[in-house]
Protein backbone atom coordinates (compact mmCIF):
# COMPACT_ATOMS: atom_id res chain seq x y z
CA UNK A 1 113.62 88.85 142.00
CA UNK A 2 117.40 89.77 142.24
CA UNK A 3 118.33 92.18 144.92
CA UNK A 4 119.68 94.84 142.67
CA UNK A 5 117.29 94.34 139.88
CA UNK A 6 115.48 97.52 138.64
CA UNK A 7 111.68 97.70 139.27
CA UNK A 8 109.14 99.86 137.76
CA UNK A 9 105.31 100.19 138.50
CA UNK A 10 103.43 97.81 136.44
CA UNK A 11 100.72 100.34 135.67
CA UNK A 12 97.42 102.35 136.71
CA UNK A 13 94.32 100.76 138.07
CA UNK A 14 91.34 102.98 137.94
CA UNK A 15 88.47 102.00 140.48
CA UNK A 16 85.15 103.66 140.01
CA UNK A 17 82.16 103.41 142.46
CA UNK A 18 79.17 105.03 140.81
CA UNK A 19 75.89 105.91 142.38
CA UNK A 20 72.60 107.43 141.35
CA UNK A 21 72.66 105.99 137.97
CA UNK A 22 69.83 105.44 135.54
CA UNK A 23 68.44 101.84 136.39
CA UNK A 24 67.20 101.12 132.84
CA UNK A 25 70.68 101.91 131.44
CA UNK A 26 72.41 99.65 134.18
CA UNK A 27 69.93 96.86 133.13
CA UNK A 28 70.53 97.18 129.31
CA UNK A 29 72.73 94.43 128.02
CA UNK A 30 73.39 96.05 124.69
CA UNK A 31 74.13 99.51 126.25
CA UNK A 32 76.84 97.92 128.67
CA UNK A 33 78.14 95.77 125.63
CA UNK A 34 78.47 99.03 123.52
CA UNK A 35 80.12 100.91 126.38
CA UNK A 36 82.82 98.25 126.91
CA UNK A 37 83.25 97.91 123.20
CA UNK A 38 83.95 101.59 122.65
CA UNK A 39 85.86 102.53 125.81
CA UNK A 40 89.24 100.82 124.87
CA UNK A 41 89.49 102.72 121.69
CA UNK A 42 88.57 105.89 123.39
CA UNK A 43 91.63 105.63 125.74
CA UNK A 44 94.05 104.30 123.11
CA UNK A 45 93.75 100.68 124.23
CA UNK A 46 93.60 97.72 121.85
CA UNK A 47 90.83 95.11 122.42
CA UNK A 48 91.70 91.38 122.43
CA UNK A 49 88.21 90.32 121.58
CA UNK A 50 84.54 91.37 122.08
CA UNK A 51 83.23 92.16 125.49
CA UNK A 52 81.81 89.24 127.40
CA UNK A 53 78.41 89.99 129.20
CA UNK A 54 76.23 88.43 131.73
CA UNK A 55 72.73 89.49 132.90
CA UNK A 56 71.45 88.66 136.43
CA UNK A 57 67.71 88.96 137.21
CA UNK A 58 67.61 88.10 140.85
CA UNK A 59 66.23 91.22 142.64
CA UNK A 60 69.00 91.22 145.19
CA UNK A 61 71.81 91.23 142.36
CA UNK A 62 69.83 92.34 139.40
CA UNK A 63 72.20 94.00 136.77
CA UNK A 64 74.85 93.27 134.19
CA UNK A 65 78.38 92.08 134.52
CA UNK A 66 80.81 92.70 131.67
CA UNK A 67 84.60 92.42 130.90
CA UNK A 68 86.66 93.34 127.84
CA UNK A 69 90.19 91.99 127.66
CA UNK A 70 92.67 94.58 126.35
CA UNK A 71 96.27 93.71 125.23
CA UNK A 72 97.37 95.66 128.42
CA UNK A 73 94.93 94.12 130.78
CA UNK A 74 91.14 94.60 131.18
CA UNK A 75 88.19 96.72 131.75
CA UNK A 76 85.17 95.50 133.79
CA UNK A 77 81.85 96.66 135.13
CA UNK A 78 79.31 95.22 137.70
CA UNK A 79 75.91 96.87 137.54
CA UNK A 80 73.20 96.79 140.15
CA UNK A 81 70.13 98.15 138.36
CA UNK A 82 67.62 98.26 141.16
CA UNK A 83 70.22 99.92 143.49
CA UNK A 84 71.16 102.53 140.91
CA UNK A 85 74.71 101.66 141.41
CA UNK A 86 77.81 100.15 139.68
CA UNK A 87 81.46 99.38 140.18
CA UNK A 88 84.08 99.43 137.39
CA UNK A 89 87.78 99.07 136.79
CA UNK A 90 90.29 99.83 134.16
CA UNK A 91 93.69 98.07 134.65
CA UNK A 92 96.62 98.38 132.23
CA UNK A 93 100.27 98.59 131.97
CA UNK A 94 99.81 101.53 129.81
CA UNK A 95 99.00 105.02 131.04
CA UNK A 96 95.40 106.25 130.07
CA UNK A 97 93.35 109.28 130.27
CA UNK A 98 91.52 108.92 133.64
CA UNK A 99 89.25 111.93 133.03
CA UNK A 100 87.98 110.45 129.55
CA UNK A 101 87.20 107.36 131.31
CA UNK A 102 85.09 109.14 134.04
CA UNK A 103 83.25 111.60 131.64
CA UNK A 104 82.36 108.72 129.32
CA UNK A 105 81.16 106.54 132.36
CA UNK A 106 79.16 109.65 133.78
CA UNK A 107 77.52 110.34 130.27
CA UNK A 108 76.69 106.80 129.42
CA UNK A 109 75.01 105.67 132.52
CA UNK A 110 73.61 109.17 134.07
CA UNK A 111 75.85 108.93 137.02
CA UNK A 112 75.07 111.43 139.82
CA UNK A 113 77.83 110.63 142.23
CA UNK A 114 81.23 108.92 141.46
CA UNK A 115 84.01 107.91 143.63
CA UNK A 116 87.26 107.47 141.73
CA UNK A 117 90.56 106.20 142.86
CA UNK A 118 93.77 105.68 140.97
CA UNK A 119 96.14 102.85 142.31
CA UNK A 120 99.62 102.23 140.97
CA UNK A 121 99.87 98.51 140.68
CA UNK A 122 102.94 96.18 140.71
CA UNK A 123 105.45 98.64 142.34
CA UNK A 124 108.11 96.11 142.11
CA UNK A 125 107.54 94.81 138.67
CA UNK A 126 111.07 93.69 136.99
CA UNK A 127 111.67 96.40 134.53
CA UNK A 128 114.19 94.73 132.48
CA UNK A 129 111.95 92.02 131.11
CA UNK A 130 109.04 94.52 130.59
CA UNK A 131 111.26 96.97 128.56
CA UNK A 132 112.68 94.34 126.34
CA UNK A 133 109.00 93.20 125.38
CA UNK A 134 107.89 96.79 124.75
CA UNK A 135 111.15 97.17 122.50
CA UNK A 136 110.39 93.90 120.75
CA UNK A 137 106.85 95.17 119.93
CA UNK A 138 107.96 98.56 118.64
CA UNK A 139 110.64 96.89 116.25
CA UNK A 140 108.27 94.50 114.71
């Protein structure tokens, strides 16, 4: 990076640690798929493809892991059905409605306790190249 080059934060990364959730919902592959399939549109993001899902039956890690890639990065979830908890993140170079993510997550999985952190990622991201890419997209 050039010494005088302008920088800009890449974007927000929302980290959710969720507890007291419904075990049946956390083990439901179809529900996790639908959740990941719907969330991007709910927060104004564009999916690159359908969610990818894996189910784990080993009692120590029983649950579902899923990811959906979005044009601006990704959304992922790791559930632990027997422990009634899960961890999720939403990372994007585009701003999004944090409260909408939290509400949709609580409602879908019956979360009773949620720890939420928003981190600004890529604080020294070179802004020149980034802004050119955005401008080109808007012109096409």
